[in-house]
Amino acid sequence: MCFLSSDPFGSGGAEAAARAMGEEFLGRVPLAMEIRVASDAGQPPAANDGPQGAAFTAIAERLAAWLDRGGR
């Protein structure tokens, strides 16, 4: 499954803000209908190994690494 990129709020602003604050940008979650539908059905995509969960897994891994470094 392939997610199309959609940036209704622009692109790069969060990354630039994180960089300006000296923080690591943890990632982005695609605006995908599959994520909304699964979430509404009580099956959060972050809890599965499918393609919808990949973005959540990547963010969780980056967050865990950040915490391991003491939050900096």
C-alpha atoms as a PDB file:
ATOM      1  CA  MET A   1       0.000   0.000   0.000  1.00  0.00           C
ATOM      2  CA  CYS A   2       1.294   3.441  -0.872  1.00  0.00           C
ATOM      3  CA  PHE A   3       0.303   6.663   0.857  1.00  0.00           C
ATOM      4  CA  LEU A   4       0.004   9.799  -1.192  1.00  0.00           C
ATOM      5  CA  SER A   5       1.599  12.832   0.343  1.00  0.00           C
ATOM      6  CA  SER A   6      -0.811  15.551   1.398  1.00  0.00           C
ATOM      7  CA  ASP A   7       0.353  18.739   3.086  1.00  0.00           C
ATOM      8  CA  PRO A   8      -2.783  20.818   3.756  1.00  0.00           C
ATOM      9  CA  PHE A   9      -0.929  22.824   6.417  1.00  0.00           C
ATOM     10  CA  GLY A  10       2.208  23.370   4.367  1.00  0.00           C
ATOM     11  CA  SER A  11       5.435  21.412   4.484  1.00  0.00           C
ATOM     12  CA  GLY A  12       8.590  21.654   6.525  1.00  0.00           C
ATOM     13  CA  GLY A  13       7.349  24.021   9.235  1.00  0.00           C
ATOM     14  CA  ALA A  14       7.510  21.515  12.082  1.00  0.00           C
ATOM     15  CA  GLU A  15      10.928  20.325  10.968  1.00  0.00           C
ATOM     16  CA  ALA A  16      12.206  23.923  10.820  1.00  0.00           C
ATOM     17  CA  ALA A  17      10.755  24.734  14.251  1.00  0.00           C
ATOM     18  CA  ALA A  18      12.385  21.655  15.795  1.00  0.00           C
ATOM     19  CA  ARG A  19      15.707  22.578  14.202  1.00  0.00           C
ATOM     20  CA  ALA A  20      15.426  26.183  15.453  1.00  0.00           C
ATOM     21  CA  MET A  21      14.848  24.879  18.995  1.00  0.00           C
ATOM     22  CA  GLY A  22      17.742  22.458  18.696  1.00  0.00           C
ATOM     23  CA  GLU A  23      15.412  19.477  18.891  1.00  0.00           C
ATOM     24  CA  GLU A  24      15.100  16.382  16.750  1.00  0.00           C
ATOM     25  CA  PHE A  25      12.035  16.147  14.499  1.00  0.00           C
ATOM     26  CA  LEU A  26      10.456  12.802  15.367  1.00  0.00           C
ATOM     27  CA  GLY A  27       8.383  12.268  12.235  1.00  0.00           C
ATOM     28  CA  ARG A  28       5.107  12.722  10.484  1.00  0.00           C
ATOM     29  CA  VAL A  29       1.907  10.703  10.195  1.00  0.00           C
ATOM     30  CA  PRO A  30       0.294  10.656   6.753  1.00  0.00           C
ATOM     31  CA  LEU A  31      -3.240  11.949   6.327  1.00  0.00           C
ATOM     32  CA  ALA A  32      -4.688   8.676   5.106  1.00  0.00           C
ATOM     33  CA  MET A  33      -8.293   7.545   5.088  1.00  0.00           C
ATOM     34  CA  GLU A  34      -7.213   4.094   6.299  1.00  0.00           C
ATOM     35  CA  ILE A  35      -5.809   5.624   9.496  1.00  0.00           C
ATOM     36  CA  ARG A  36      -9.019   7.544  10.189  1.00  0.00           C
ATOM     37  CA  VAL A  37     -11.268   4.566   9.479  1.00  0.00           C
ATOM     38  CA  ALA A  38      -9.208   2.176  11.633  1.00  0.00           C
ATOM     39  CA  SER A  39      -9.054   4.704  14.480  1.00  0.00           C
ATOM     40  CA  ASP A  40     -12.811   5.314  14.335  1.00  0.00           C
ATOM     41  CA  ALA A  41     -13.358   1.538  14.494  1.00  0.00           C
ATOM     42  CA  GLY A  42     -11.288   1.291  17.666  1.00  0.00           C
ATOM     43  CA  GLN A  43      -8.348  -0.341  15.886  1.00  0.00           C
ATOM     44  CA  PRO A  44      -5.578   2.251  16.160  1.00  0.00           C
ATOM     45  CA  PRO A  45      -3.082   1.787  13.341  1.00  0.00           C
ATOM     46  CA  ALA A  46      -0.218   2.377  15.768  1.00  0.00           C
ATOM     47  CA  ALA A  47      -1.057  -1.001  17.302  1.00  0.00           C
ATOM     48  CA  ASN A  48      -0.516  -3.051  14.142  1.00  0.00           C
ATOM     49  CA  ASP A  49       2.331  -4.045  11.867  1.00  0.00           C
ATOM     50  CA  GLY A  50       0.612  -2.936   8.664  1.00  0.00           C
ATOM     51  CA  PRO A  51       1.666  -0.035   6.461  1.00  0.00           C
ATOM     52  CA  GLN A  52      -0.534   2.381   8.420  1.00  0.00           C
ATOM     53  CA  GLY A  53       1.406   1.565  11.589  1.00  0.00           C
ATOM     54  CA  ALA A  54       4.824   2.196  10.020  1.00  0.00           C
ATOM     55  CA  ALA A  55       4.797   5.961  10.632  1.00  0.00           C
ATOM     56  CA  PHE A  56       3.793   5.463  14.276  1.00  0.00           C
ATOM     57  CA  THR A  57       6.480   2.802  14.746  1.00  0.00           C
ATOM     58  CA  ALA A  58       9.164   5.070  13.281  1.00  0.00           C
ATOM     59  CA  ILE A  59       8.149   7.925  15.594  1.00  0.00           C
ATOM     60  CA  ALA A  60       8.070   5.598  18.621  1.00  0.00           C
ATOM     61  CA  GLU A  61      11.567   4.324  17.782  1.00  0.00           C
ATOM     62  CA  ARG A  62      12.916   7.877  17.464  1.00  0.00           C
ATOM     63  CA  LEU A  63      11.221   8.861  20.724  1.00  0.00           C
ATOM     64  CA  ALA A  64      12.697   5.843  22.530  1.00  0.00           C
ATOM     65  CA  ALA A  65      16.176   6.726  21.236  1.00  0.00           C
ATOM     66  CA  TRP A  66      15.687  10.343  22.338  1.00  0.00           C
ATOM     67  CA  LEU A  67      14.639   9.205  25.822  1.00  0.00           C
ATOM     68  CA  ASP A  68      17.622   6.846  26.000  1.00  0.00           C
ATOM     69  CA  ARG A  69      19.869   9.858  25.376  1.00  0.00           C
ATOM     70  CA  GLY A  70      18.282  11.597  28.354  1.00  0.00           C
ATOM     71  CA  GLY A  71      15.786  13.651  26.376  1.00  0.00           C
ATOM     72  CA  ARG A  72      18.399  15.615  24.471  1.00  0.00           C
END
